[in-house]
Amino acid sequence: MGNDKVDEIKIPTMIIQPYIENAIKHGLLHKEEGEKKLHITFVQDEVLTCIVQDNGVGIAASKKIQEENGIKKASFSTGAIKDKMSFLRDYYKTDIGVVYEDIPVGTKVIIKIPFTTL
């Protein structure tokens, strides 16, 4: 599909929002110094790839902060989104998934999303 159809893409609901929320809540909220940045990028190919990248504290520091605050359970949204991605992977029979990258400053999440057009 060419980029001329980009306005016609329909993304399954509630796929991207939890990752943006996590970037703010677990990464940027705990960043104490400097500018807080959140970048959201889309790349269209066989699937739609969304990259959510922040310059927050990173995965390891976020886990440590949660442990220090006595938070031991995984967030509801993370579990729910894993279930939804599994369903969509089966439904679309394509490479759908999420990869977390612990980058030098912050976190990068790569989300592969199936899409349909209007």
PDB file of N, CA and C in Angstrom:
ATOM      1  N   MET A   1       0.840  -1.164   0.000  1.00  0.00           N
ATOM      2  CA  MET A   1       0.000   0.000   0.000  1.00  0.00           C
ATOM      3  C   MET A   1       0.889   1.231   0.000  1.00  0.00           C
ATOM      4  N   GLY A   2       0.590   2.194  -0.803  1.00  0.00           N
ATOM      5  CA  GLY A   2       1.381   3.412  -0.862  1.00  0.00           C
ATOM      6  C   GLY A   2       0.980   4.387   0.228  1.00  0.00           C
ATOM      7  N   ASN A   3       1.784   5.382   0.431  1.00  0.00           N
ATOM      8  CA  ASN A   3       1.510   6.386   1.452  1.00  0.00           C
ATOM      9  C   ASN A   3       0.292   7.237   1.120  1.00  0.00           C
ATOM     10  N   ASP A   4      -0.201   7.180  -0.121  1.00  0.00           N
ATOM     11  CA  ASP A   4      -1.373   7.953  -0.492  1.00  0.00           C
ATOM     12  C   ASP A   4      -2.628   7.456   0.228  1.00  0.00           C
ATOM     13  N   LYS A   5      -2.585   6.293   0.825  1.00  0.00           N
ATOM     14  CA  LYS A   5      -3.722   5.720   1.546  1.00  0.00           C
ATOM     15  C   LYS A   5      -3.587   5.844   3.061  1.00  0.00           C
ATOM     16  N   VAL A   6      -2.601   6.590   3.534  1.00  0.00           N
ATOM     17  CA  VAL A   6      -2.319   6.652   4.965  1.00  0.00           C
ATOM     18  C   VAL A   6      -3.512   7.160   5.775  1.00  0.00           C
ATOM     19  N   ASP A   7      -4.328   8.045   5.223  1.00  0.00           N
ATOM     20  CA  ASP A   7      -5.494   8.561   5.935  1.00  0.00           C
ATOM     21  C   ASP A   7      -6.594   7.515   6.082  1.00  0.00           C
ATOM     22  N   GLU A   8      -6.483   6.406   5.359  1.00  0.00           N
ATOM     23  CA  GLU A   8      -7.507   5.371   5.389  1.00  0.00           C
ATOM     24  C   GLU A   8      -7.162   4.197   6.305  1.00  0.00           C
ATOM     25  N   ILE A   9      -6.016   4.263   6.989  1.00  0.00           N
ATOM     26  CA  ILE A   9      -5.598   3.164   7.859  1.00  0.00           C
ATOM     27  C   ILE A   9      -6.442   3.139   9.125  1.00  0.00           C
ATOM     28  N   LYS A  10      -6.913   1.953   9.480  1.00  0.00           N
ATOM     29  CA  LYS A  10      -7.646   1.743  10.728  1.00  0.00           C
ATOM     30  C   LYS A  10      -6.784   0.859  11.631  1.00  0.00           C
ATOM     31  N   ILE A  11      -6.405   1.384  12.785  1.00  0.00           N
ATOM     32  CA  ILE A  11      -5.578   0.661  13.753  1.00  0.00           C
ATOM     33  C   ILE A  11      -6.500   0.084  14.825  1.00  0.00           C
ATOM     34  N   PRO A  12      -6.290  -1.173  15.228  1.00  0.00           N
ATOM     35  CA  PRO A  12      -7.098  -1.716  16.337  1.00  0.00           C
ATOM     36  C   PRO A  12      -7.002  -0.805  17.565  1.00  0.00           C
ATOM     37  N   THR A  13      -8.109  -0.664  18.273  1.00  0.00           N
ATOM     38  CA  THR A  13      -8.167   0.253  19.413  1.00  0.00           C
ATOM     39  C   THR A  13      -7.266  -0.175  20.566  1.00  0.00           C
ATOM     40  N   MET A  14      -6.849   0.795  21.323  1.00  0.00           N
ATOM     41  CA  MET A  14      -6.088   0.627  22.569  1.00  0.00           C
ATOM     42  C   MET A  14      -4.806  -0.199  22.403  1.00  0.00           C
ATOM     43  N   ILE A  15      -4.107  -0.016  21.295  1.00  0.00           N
ATOM     44  CA  ILE A  15      -2.844  -0.705  21.074  1.00  0.00           C
ATOM     45  C   ILE A  15      -1.676   0.193  21.480  1.00  0.00           C
ATOM     46  N   ILE A  16      -1.701   1.434  21.078  1.00  0.00           N
ATOM     47  CA  ILE A  16      -0.572   2.339  21.287  1.00  0.00           C
ATOM     48  C   ILE A  16      -0.648   3.053  22.638  1.00  0.00           C
ATOM     49  N   GLN A  17      -1.832   3.424  23.069  1.00  0.00           N
ATOM     50  CA  GLN A  17      -2.029   4.238  24.265  1.00  0.00           C
ATOM     51  C   GLN A  17      -1.328   3.696  25.507  1.00  0.00           C
ATOM     52  N   PRO A  18      -1.400   2.391  25.813  1.00  0.00           N
ATOM     53  CA  PRO A  18      -0.743   1.913  27.037  1.00  0.00           C
ATOM     54  C   PRO A  18       0.776   2.127  27.038  1.00  0.00           C
ATOM     55  N   TYR A  19       1.406   2.062  25.872  1.00  0.00           N
ATOM     56  CA  TYR A  19       2.858   2.244  25.798  1.00  0.00           C
ATOM     57  C   TYR A  19       3.244   3.707  25.980  1.00  0.00           C
ATOM     58  N   ILE A  20       2.403   4.605  25.491  1.00  0.00           N
ATOM     59  CA  ILE A  20       2.641   6.028  25.704  1.00  0.00           C
ATOM     60  C   ILE A  20       2.448   6.353  27.186  1.00  0.00           C
ATOM     61  N   GLU A  21       1.407   5.797  27.759  1.00  0.00           N
ATOM     62  CA  GLU A  21       1.139   5.992  29.188  1.00  0.00           C
ATOM     63  C   GLU A  21       2.298   5.462  30.032  1.00  0.00           C
ATOM     64  N   ASN A  22       2.813   4.276  29.699  1.00  0.00           N
ATOM     65  CA  ASN A  22       3.945   3.710  30.442  1.00  0.00           C
ATOM     66  C   ASN A  22       5.194   4.572  30.311  1.00  0.00           C
ATOM     67  N   ALA A  23       5.430   5.130  29.122  1.00  0.00           N
ATOM     68  CA  ALA A  23       6.604   5.994  28.916  1.00  0.00           C
ATOM     69  C   ALA A  23       6.531   7.200  29.844  1.00  0.00           C
ATOM     70  N   ILE A  24       5.341   7.761  29.978  1.00  0.00           N
ATOM     71  CA  ILE A  24       5.170   8.929  30.850  1.00  0.00           C
ATOM     72  C   ILE A  24       5.240   8.519  32.317  1.00  0.00           C
ATOM     73  N   LYS A  25       4.457   7.513  32.691  1.00  0.00           N
ATOM     74  CA  LYS A  25       4.318   7.111  34.098  1.00  0.00           C
ATOM     75  C   LYS A  25       5.581   6.476  34.676  1.00  0.00           C
ATOM     76  N   HIS A  26       6.243   5.610  33.898  1.00  0.00           N
ATOM     77  CA  HIS A  26       7.383   4.871  34.434  1.00  0.00           C
ATOM     78  C   HIS A  26       8.738   5.437  34.022  1.00  0.00           C
ATOM     79  N   GLY A  27       8.775   6.193  32.948  1.00  0.00           N
ATOM     80  CA  GLY A  27      10.046   6.724  32.465  1.00  0.00           C
ATOM     81  C   GLY A  27      10.234   8.196  32.753  1.00  0.00           C
ATOM     82  N   LEU A  28       9.346   9.009  32.210  1.00  0.00           N
ATOM     83  CA  LEU A  28       9.522  10.460  32.310  1.00  0.00           C
ATOM     84  C   LEU A  28       9.163  11.024  33.677  1.00  0.00           C
ATOM     85  N   LEU A  29       8.176  10.448  34.333  1.00  0.00           N
ATOM     86  CA  LEU A  29       7.760  10.944  35.641  1.00  0.00           C
ATOM     87  C   LEU A  29       8.911  10.906  36.640  1.00  0.00           C
ATOM     88  N   HIS A  30       9.763   9.907  36.547  1.00  0.00           N
ATOM     89  CA  HIS A  30      10.858   9.734  37.505  1.00  0.00           C
ATOM     90  C   HIS A  30      12.139  10.451  37.087  1.00  0.00           C
ATOM     91  N   LYS A  31      12.173  11.034  35.906  1.00  0.00           N
ATOM     92  CA  LYS A  31      13.348  11.773  35.443  1.00  0.00           C
ATOM     93  C   LYS A  31      13.407  13.085  36.213  1.00  0.00           C
ATOM     94  N   GLU A  32      14.518  13.312  36.895  1.00  0.00           N
ATOM     95  CA  GLU A  32      14.617  14.479  37.764  1.00  0.00           C
ATOM     96  C   GLU A  32      15.315  15.663  37.127  1.00  0.00           C
ATOM     97  N   GLU A  33      16.187  15.424  36.159  1.00  0.00           N
ATOM     98  CA  GLU A  33      16.945  16.524  35.569  1.00  0.00           C
ATOM     99  C   GLU A  33      16.789  16.553  34.062  1.00  0.00           C
ATOM    100  N   GLY A  34      16.861  17.738  33.495  1.00  0.00           N
ATOM    101  CA  GLY A  34      16.837  17.894  32.047  1.00  0.00           C
ATOM    102  C   GLY A  34      15.443  17.856  31.453  1.00  0.00           C
ATOM    103  N   GLU A  35      15.415  18.070  30.164  1.00  0.00           N
ATOM    104  CA  GLU A  35      14.163  18.089  29.424  1.00  0.00           C
ATOM    105  C   GLU A  35      13.607  16.675  29.270  1.00  0.00           C
ATOM    106  N   LYS A  36      12.304  16.548  29.409  1.00  0.00           N
ATOM    107  CA  LYS A  36      11.633  15.259  29.233  1.00  0.00           C
ATOM    108  C   LYS A  36      11.085  15.204  27.814  1.00  0.00           C
ATOM    109  N   LYS A  37      11.453  14.126  27.086  1.00  0.00           N
ATOM    110  CA  LYS A  37      11.050  14.013  25.686  1.00  0.00           C
ATOM    111  C   LYS A  37      10.341  12.687  25.429  1.00  0.00           C
ATOM    112  N   LEU A  38       9.330  12.750  24.584  1.00  0.00           N
ATOM    113  CA  LEU A  38       8.600  11.577  24.144  1.00  0.00           C
ATOM    114  C   LEU A  38       8.408  11.705  22.637  1.00  0.00           C
ATOM    115  N   HIS A  39       8.920  10.724  21.888  1.00  0.00           N
ATOM    116  CA  HIS A  39       8.799  10.718  20.434  1.00  0.00           C
ATOM    117  C   HIS A  39       7.948   9.527  20.021  1.00  0.00           C
ATOM    118  N   ILE A  40       7.007   9.773  19.104  1.00  0.00           N
ATOM    119  CA  ILE A  40       6.165   8.717  18.571  1.00  0.00           C
ATOM    120  C   ILE A  40       6.318   8.763  17.052  1.00  0.00           C
ATOM    121  N   THR A  41       6.790   7.647  16.488  1.00  0.00           N
ATOM    122  CA  THR A  41       7.058   7.569  15.057  1.00  0.00           C
ATOM    123  C   THR A  41       6.289   6.397  14.459  1.00  0.00           C
ATOM    124  N   PHE A  42       5.759   6.594  13.253  1.00  0.00           N
ATOM    125  CA  PHE A  42       5.064   5.531  12.541  1.00  0.00           C
ATOM    126  C   PHE A  42       5.791   5.230  11.236  1.00  0.00           C
ATOM    127  N   VAL A  43       5.927   3.941  10.930  1.00  0.00           N
ATOM    128  CA  VAL A  43       6.521   3.488   9.669  1.00  0.00           C
ATOM    129  C   VAL A  43       5.545   2.488   9.064  1.00  0.00           C
ATOM    130  N   GLN A  44       5.160   2.728   7.813  1.00  0.00           N
ATOM    131  CA  GLN A  44       4.188   1.870   7.148  1.00  0.00           C
ATOM    132  C   GLN A  44       4.899   0.883   6.227  1.00  0.00           C
ATOM    133  N   ASP A  45       4.605  -0.407   6.425  1.00  0.00           N
ATOM    134  CA  ASP A  45       5.143  -1.477   5.592  1.00  0.00           C
ATOM    135  C   ASP A  45       4.053  -2.541   5.517  1.00  0.00           C
ATOM    136  N   GLU A  46       4.408  -3.831   5.583  1.00  0.00           N
ATOM    137  CA  GLU A  46       3.377  -4.874   5.613  1.00  0.00           C
ATOM    138  C   GLU A  46       2.493  -4.719   6.846  1.00  0.00           C
ATOM    139  N   VAL A  47       3.102  -4.288   7.927  1.00  0.00           N
ATOM    140  CA  VAL A  47       2.371  -3.924   9.132  1.00  0.00           C
ATOM    141  C   VAL A  47       2.741  -2.481   9.435  1.00  0.00           C
ATOM    142  N   LEU A  48       1.988  -1.863  10.299  1.00  0.00           N
ATOM    143  CA  LEU A  48       2.295  -0.508  10.724  1.00  0.00           C
ATOM    144  C   LEU A  48       3.179  -0.615  11.956  1.00  0.00           C
ATOM    145  N   THR A  49       4.345  -0.003  11.907  1.00  0.00           N
ATOM    146  CA  THR A  49       5.250  -0.037  13.047  1.00  0.00           C
ATOM    147  C   THR A  49       5.189   1.311  13.759  1.00  0.00           C
ATOM    148  N   CYS A  50       4.931   1.267  15.057  1.00  0.00           N
ATOM    149  CA  CYS A  50       4.919   2.467  15.884  1.00  0.00           C
ATOM    150  C   CYS A  50       6.095   2.372  16.846  1.00  0.00           C
ATOM    151  N   ILE A  51       6.901   3.410  16.881  1.00  0.00           N
ATOM    152  CA  ILE A  51       8.040   3.454  17.794  1.00  0.00           C
ATOM    153  C   ILE A  51       7.760   4.539  18.826  1.00  0.00           C
ATOM    154  N   VAL A  52       7.722   4.139  20.090  1.00  0.00           N
ATOM    155  CA  VAL A  52       7.510   5.057  21.203  1.00  0.00           C
ATOM    156  C   VAL A  52       8.831   5.127  21.954  1.00  0.00           C
ATOM    157  N   GLN A  53       9.436   6.300  21.978  1.00  0.00           N
ATOM    158  CA  GLN A  53      10.759   6.446  22.595  1.00  0.00           C
ATOM    159  C   GLN A  53      10.749   7.634  23.545  1.00  0.00           C
ATOM    160  N   ASP A  54      11.261   7.385  24.744  1.00  0.00           N
ATOM    161  CA  ASP A  54      11.366   8.463  25.726  1.00  0.00           C
ATOM    162  C   ASP A  54      12.813   8.572  26.209  1.00  0.00           C
ATOM    163  N   ASN A  55      13.122   9.675  26.846  1.00  0.00           N
ATOM    164  CA  ASN A  55      14.451   9.855  27.431  1.00  0.00           C
ATOM    165  C   ASN A  55      14.364   9.836  28.953  1.00  0.00           C
ATOM    166  N   GLY A  56      13.487   8.974  29.453  1.00  0.00           N
ATOM    167  CA  GLY A  56      13.278   8.842  30.892  1.00  0.00           C
ATOM    168  C   GLY A  56      14.361   8.015  31.562  1.00  0.00           C
ATOM    169  N   VAL A  57      14.008   7.409  32.681  1.00  0.00           N
ATOM    170  CA  VAL A  57      14.991   6.715  33.517  1.00  0.00           C
ATOM    171  C   VAL A  57      15.394   5.346  32.973  1.00  0.00           C
ATOM    172  N   GLY A  58      14.643   4.789  32.042  1.00  0.00           N
ATOM    173  CA  GLY A  58      14.976   3.483  31.476  1.00  0.00           C
ATOM    174  C   GLY A  58      14.307   2.346  32.225  1.00  0.00           C
ATOM    175  N   ILE A  59      14.351   1.177  31.615  1.00  0.00           N
ATOM    176  CA  ILE A  59      13.647   0.002  32.146  1.00  0.00           C
ATOM    177  C   ILE A  59      14.203  -0.446  33.496  1.00  0.00           C
ATOM    178  N   ALA A  60      15.518  -0.586  33.592  1.00  0.00           N
ATOM    179  CA  ALA A  60      16.126  -1.084  34.838  1.00  0.00           C
ATOM    180  C   ALA A  60      15.851  -0.142  36.001  1.00  0.00           C
ATOM    181  N   ALA A  61      16.023   1.149  35.783  1.00  0.00           N
ATOM    182  CA  ALA A  61      15.786   2.124  36.857  1.00  0.00           C
ATOM    183  C   ALA A  61      14.319   2.156  37.256  1.00  0.00           C
ATOM    184  N   SER A  62      13.423   2.030  36.284  1.00  0.00           N
ATOM    185  CA  SER A  62      11.995   2.023  36.576  1.00  0.00           C
ATOM    186  C   SER A  62      11.623   0.814  37.431  1.00  0.00           C
ATOM    187  N   LYS A  63      12.171  -0.356  37.087  1.00  0.00           N
ATOM    188  CA  LYS A  63      11.902  -1.559  37.883  1.00  0.00           C
ATOM    189  C   LYS A  63      12.423  -1.400  39.304  1.00  0.00           C
ATOM    190  N   LYS A  64      13.605  -0.814  39.437  1.00  0.00           N
ATOM    191  CA  LYS A  64      14.195  -0.607  40.764  1.00  0.00           C
ATOM    192  C   LYS A  64      13.326   0.339  41.589  1.00  0.00           C
ATOM    193  N   ILE A  65      12.834   1.406  40.982  1.00  0.00           N
ATOM    194  CA  ILE A  65      11.965   2.352  41.678  1.00  0.00           C
ATOM    195  C   ILE A  65      10.690   1.658  42.133  1.00  0.00           C
ATOM    196  N   GLN A  66      10.114   0.823  41.266  1.00  0.00           N
ATOM    197  CA  GLN A  66       8.900   0.092  41.639  1.00  0.00           C
ATOM    198  C   GLN A  66       9.153  -0.858  42.804  1.00  0.00           C
ATOM    199  N   GLU A  67      10.288  -1.552  42.762  1.00  0.00           N
ATOM    200  CA  GLU A  67      10.633  -2.463  43.860  1.00  0.00           C
ATOM    201  C   GLU A  67      10.817  -1.705  45.163  1.00  0.00           C
ATOM    202  N   GLU A  68      11.494  -0.564  45.101  1.00  0.00           N
ATOM    203  CA  GLU A  68      11.715   0.247  46.304  1.00  0.00           C
ATOM    204  C   GLU A  68      10.399   0.769  46.870  1.00  0.00           C
ATOM    205  N   ASN A  69       9.405   0.969  45.991  1.00  0.00           N
ATOM    206  CA  ASN A  69       8.098   1.460  46.440  1.00  0.00           C
ATOM    207  C   ASN A  69       7.127   0.327  46.764  1.00  0.00           C
ATOM    208  N   GLY A  70       7.629  -0.912  46.714  1.00  0.00           N
ATOM    209  CA  GLY A  70       6.809  -2.063  47.075  1.00  0.00           C
ATOM    210  C   GLY A  70       5.810  -2.483  46.010  1.00  0.00           C
ATOM    211  N   ILE A  71       6.021  -2.059  44.777  1.00  0.00           N
ATOM    212  CA  ILE A  71       5.117  -2.436  43.687  1.00  0.00           C
ATOM    213  C   ILE A  71       5.676  -3.697  43.041  1.00  0.00           C
ATOM    214  N   LYS A  72       4.918  -4.789  43.156  1.00  0.00           N
ATOM    215  CA  LYS A  72       5.426  -6.077  42.676  1.00  0.00           C
ATOM    216  C   LYS A  72       4.643  -6.642  41.499  1.00  0.00           C
ATOM    217  N   LYS A  73       3.398  -6.208  41.315  1.00  0.00           N
ATOM    218  CA  LYS A  73       2.611  -6.805  40.249  1.00  0.00           C
ATOM    219  C   LYS A  73       2.751  -6.007  38.954  1.00  0.00           C
ATOM    220  N   ALA A  74       2.607  -6.726  37.842  1.00  0.00           N
ATOM    221  CA  ALA A  74       2.643  -6.079  36.528  1.00  0.00           C
ATOM    222  C   ALA A  74       1.381  -5.252  36.359  1.00  0.00           C
ATOM    223  N   SER A  75       1.475  -4.200  35.579  1.00  0.00           N
ATOM    224  CA  SER A  75       0.313  -3.341  35.378  1.00  0.00           C
ATOM    225  C   SER A  75      -0.762  -4.090  34.600  1.00  0.00           C
ATOM    226  N   PHE A  76      -2.005  -3.738  34.869  1.00  0.00           N
ATOM    227  CA  PHE A  76      -3.135  -4.357  34.182  1.00  0.00           C
ATOM    228  C   PHE A  76      -3.049  -4.107  32.685  1.00  0.00           C
ATOM    229  N   SER A  77      -2.694  -2.870  32.289  1.00  0.00           N
ATOM    230  CA  SER A  77      -2.675  -2.536  30.861  1.00  0.00           C
ATOM    231  C   SER A  77      -1.644  -3.369  30.106  1.00  0.00           C
ATOM    232  N   THR A  78      -0.504  -3.659  30.731  1.00  0.00           N
ATOM    233  CA  THR A  78       0.529  -4.453  30.070  1.00  0.00           C
ATOM    234  C   THR A  78       0.036  -5.870  29.813  1.00  0.00           C
ATOM    235  N   GLY A  79      -0.606  -6.469  30.785  1.00  0.00           N
ATOM    236  CA  GLY A  79      -1.156  -7.818  30.610  1.00  0.00           C
ATOM    237  C   GLY A  79      -2.276  -7.844  29.588  1.00  0.00           C
ATOM    238  N   ALA A  80      -3.149  -6.849  29.638  1.00  0.00           N
ATOM    239  CA  ALA A  80      -4.273  -6.794  28.703  1.00  0.00           C
ATOM    240  C   ALA A  80      -3.780  -6.612  27.273  1.00  0.00           C
ATOM    241  N   ILE A  81      -2.774  -5.778  27.088  1.00  0.00           N
ATOM    242  CA  ILE A  81      -2.266  -5.533  25.739  1.00  0.00           C
ATOM    243  C   ILE A  81      -1.552  -6.772  25.200  1.00  0.00           C
ATOM    244  N   LYS A  82      -0.870  -7.525  26.059  1.00  0.00           N
ATOM    245  CA  LYS A  82      -0.229  -8.774  25.613  1.00  0.00           C
ATOM    246  C   LYS A  82      -1.281  -9.752  25.109  1.00  0.00           C
ATOM    247  N   ASP A  83      -2.391  -9.847  25.842  1.00  0.00           N
ATOM    248  CA  ASP A  83      -3.476 -10.731  25.420  1.00  0.00           C
ATOM    249  C   ASP A  83      -4.061 -10.281  24.086  1.00  0.00           C
ATOM    250  N   LYS A  84      -4.266  -8.982  23.933  1.00  0.00           N
ATOM    251  CA  LYS A  84      -4.836  -8.461  22.695  1.00  0.00           C
ATOM    252  C   LYS A  84      -3.885  -8.688  21.524  1.00  0.00           C
ATOM    253  N   MET A  85      -2.576  -8.478  21.728  1.00  0.00           N
ATOM    254  CA  MET A  85      -1.600  -8.679  20.658  1.00  0.00           C
ATOM    255  C   MET A  85      -1.560 -10.152  20.251  1.00  0.00           C
ATOM    256  N   SER A  86      -1.678 -11.049  21.205  1.00  0.00           N
ATOM    257  CA  SER A  86      -1.696 -12.477  20.900  1.00  0.00           C
ATOM    258  C   SER A  86      -2.911 -12.817  20.040  1.00  0.00           C
ATOM    259  N   PHE A  87      -4.069 -12.270  20.408  1.00  0.00           N
ATOM    260  CA  PHE A  87      -5.280 -12.489  19.626  1.00  0.00           C
ATOM    261  C   PHE A  87      -5.106 -11.950  18.208  1.00  0.00           C
ATOM    262  N   LEU A  88      -4.577 -10.727  18.077  1.00  0.00           N
ATOM    263  CA  LEU A  88      -4.407 -10.114  16.760  1.00  0.00           C
ATOM    264  C   LEU A  88      -3.383 -10.866  15.912  1.00  0.00           C
ATOM    265  N   ARG A  89      -2.342 -11.389  16.557  1.00  0.00           N
ATOM    266  CA  ARG A  89      -1.330 -12.182  15.836  1.00  0.00           C
ATOM    267  C   ARG A  89      -1.993 -13.405  15.200  1.00  0.00           C
ATOM    268  N   ASP A  90      -2.855 -14.071  15.961  1.00  0.00           N
ATOM    269  CA  ASP A  90      -3.579 -15.230  15.432  1.00  0.00           C
ATOM    270  C   ASP A  90      -4.582 -14.819  14.358  1.00  0.00           C
ATOM    271  N   TYR A  91      -5.287 -13.732  14.592  1.00  0.00           N
ATOM    272  CA  TYR A  91      -6.327 -13.283  13.675  1.00  0.00           C
ATOM    273  C   TYR A  91      -5.756 -12.846  12.330  1.00  0.00           C
ATOM    274  N   TYR A  92      -4.689 -12.047  12.354  1.00  0.00           N
ATOM    275  CA  TYR A  92      -4.104 -11.523  11.120  1.00  0.00           C
ATOM    276  C   TYR A  92      -3.061 -12.452  10.495  1.00  0.00           C
ATOM    277  N   LYS A  93      -2.637 -13.463  11.249  1.00  0.00           N
ATOM    278  CA  LYS A  93      -1.622 -14.405  10.755  1.00  0.00           C
ATOM    279  C   LYS A  93      -0.390 -13.662  10.211  1.00  0.00           C
ATOM    280  N   THR A  94       0.092 -12.726  10.988  1.00  0.00           N
ATOM    281  CA  THR A  94       1.242 -11.921  10.563  1.00  0.00           C
ATOM    282  C   THR A  94       2.104 -11.572  11.766  1.00  0.00           C
ATOM    283  N   ASP A  95       3.254 -10.987  11.496  1.00  0.00           N
ATOM    284  CA  ASP A  95       4.219 -10.622  12.534  1.00  0.00           C
ATOM    285  C   ASP A  95       3.731  -9.403  13.298  1.00  0.00           C
ATOM    286  N   ILE A  96       3.158  -9.656  14.444  1.00  0.00           N
ATOM    287  CA  ILE A  96       2.660  -8.593  15.304  1.00  0.00           C
ATOM    288  C   ILE A  96       3.337  -8.764  16.646  1.00  0.00           C
ATOM    289  N   GLY A  97       3.790  -7.703  17.212  1.00  0.00           N
ATOM    290  CA  GLY A  97       4.400  -7.862  18.511  1.00  0.00           C
ATOM    291  C   GLY A  97       5.002  -6.586  19.046  1.00  0.00           C
ATOM    292  N   VAL A  98       5.624  -6.737  20.182  1.00  0.00           N
ATOM    293  CA  VAL A  98       6.212  -5.608  20.886  1.00  0.00           C
ATOM    294  C   VAL A  98       7.613  -5.985  21.318  1.00  0.00           C
ATOM    295  N   VAL A  99       8.537  -5.065  21.081  1.00  0.00           N
ATOM    296  CA  VAL A  99       9.917  -5.248  21.516  1.00  0.00           C
ATOM    297  C   VAL A  99      10.313  -4.028  22.337  1.00  0.00           C
ATOM    298  N   TYR A 100      10.828  -4.274  23.535  1.00  0.00           N
ATOM    299  CA  TYR A 100      11.345  -3.201  24.381  1.00  0.00           C
ATOM    300  C   TYR A 100      12.849  -3.132  24.187  1.00  0.00           C
ATOM    301  N   GLU A 101      13.366  -1.930  23.995  1.00  0.00           N
ATOM    302  CA  GLU A 101      14.808  -1.743  23.900  1.00  0.00           C
ATOM    303  C   GLU A 101      15.245  -0.782  24.996  1.00  0.00           C
ATOM    304  N   ASP A 102      16.176  -1.219  25.811  1.00  0.00           N
ATOM    305  CA  ASP A 102      16.764  -0.354  26.822  1.00  0.00           C
ATOM    306  C   ASP A 102      17.902   0.392  26.127  1.00  0.00           C
ATOM    307  N   ILE A 103      17.671   1.635  25.818  1.00  0.00           N
ATOM    308  CA  ILE A 103      18.638   2.442  25.085  1.00  0.00           C
ATOM    309  C   ILE A 103      19.495   3.237  26.070  1.00  0.00           C
ATOM    310  N   PRO A 104      20.595   3.851  25.614  1.00  0.00           N
ATOM    311  CA  PRO A 104      21.481   4.556  26.557  1.00  0.00           C
ATOM    312  C   PRO A 104      20.759   5.544  27.479  1.00  0.00           C
ATOM    313  N   VAL A 105      19.772   6.267  26.942  1.00  0.00           N
ATOM    314  CA  VAL A 105      18.985   7.177  27.778  1.00  0.00           C
ATOM    315  C   VAL A 105      17.517   6.926  27.464  1.00  0.00           C
ATOM    316  N   GLY A 106      16.811   6.303  28.394  1.00  0.00           N
ATOM    317  CA  GLY A 106      15.390   6.080  28.212  1.00  0.00           C
ATOM    318  C   GLY A 106      15.036   4.691  27.740  1.00  0.00           C
ATOM    319  N   THR A 107      13.874   4.618  27.104  1.00  0.00           N
ATOM    320  CA  THR A 107      13.331   3.346  26.630  1.00  0.00           C
ATOM    321  C   THR A 107      12.748   3.539  25.237  1.00  0.00           C
ATOM    322  N   LYS A 108      12.878   2.486  24.438  1.00  0.00           N
ATOM    323  CA  LYS A 108      12.313   2.480  23.088  1.00  0.00           C
ATOM    324  C   LYS A 108      11.426   1.248  22.972  1.00  0.00           C
ATOM    325  N   VAL A 109      10.187   1.440  22.567  1.00  0.00           N
ATOM    326  CA  VAL A 109       9.253   0.340  22.376  1.00  0.00           C
ATOM    327  C   VAL A 109       8.865   0.318  20.898  1.00  0.00           C
ATOM    328  N   ILE A 110       9.027  -0.840  20.277  1.00  0.00           N
ATOM    329  CA  ILE A 110       8.677  -1.002  18.867  1.00  0.00           C
ATOM    330  C   ILE A 110       7.445  -1.892  18.814  1.00  0.00           C
ATOM    331  N   ILE A 111       6.360  -1.342  18.279  1.00  0.00           N
ATOM    332  CA  ILE A 111       5.078  -2.035  18.240  1.00  0.00           C
ATOM    333  C   ILE A 111       4.728  -2.294  16.778  1.00  0.00           C
ATOM    334  N   LYS A 112       4.571  -3.562  16.420  1.00  0.00           N
ATOM    335  CA  LYS A 112       4.140  -3.916  15.074  1.00  0.00           C
ATOM    336  C   LYS A 112       2.638  -4.181  15.121  1.00  0.00           C
ATOM    337  N   ILE A 113       1.906  -3.414  14.304  1.00  0.00           N
ATOM    338  CA  ILE A 113       0.455  -3.408  14.387  1.00  0.00           C
ATOM    339  C   ILE A 113      -0.156  -3.784  13.041  1.00  0.00           C
ATOM    340  N   PRO A 114      -1.115  -4.711  13.036  1.00  0.00           N
ATOM    341  CA  PRO A 114      -1.827  -4.983  11.793  1.00  0.00           C
ATOM    342  C   PRO A 114      -2.770  -3.815  11.504  1.00  0.00           C
ATOM    343  N   PHE A 115      -3.102  -3.622  10.270  1.00  0.00           N
ATOM    344  CA  PHE A 115      -4.058  -2.565   9.961  1.00  0.00           C
ATOM    345  C   PHE A 115      -4.889  -2.971   8.767  1.00  0.00           C
ATOM    346  N   THR A 116      -6.012  -2.322   8.646  1.00  0.00           N
ATOM    347  CA  THR A 116      -6.861  -2.478   7.482  1.00  0.00           C
ATOM    348  C   THR A 116      -7.111  -1.086   6.933  1.00  0.00           C
ATOM    349  N   THR A 117      -7.629  -1.018   5.728  1.00  0.00           N
ATOM    350  CA  THR A 117      -7.982   0.270   5.158  1.00  0.00           C
ATOM    351  C   THR A 117      -9.494   0.362   5.057  1.00  0.00           C
ATOM    352  N   LEU A 118      -9.988   1.569   4.971  1.00  0.00           N
ATOM    353  CA  LEU A 118     -11.436   1.803   4.887  1.00  0.00           C
ATOM    354  C   LEU A 118     -12.019   1.204   3.639  1.00  0.00           C
TER     355      LEU A 118
END
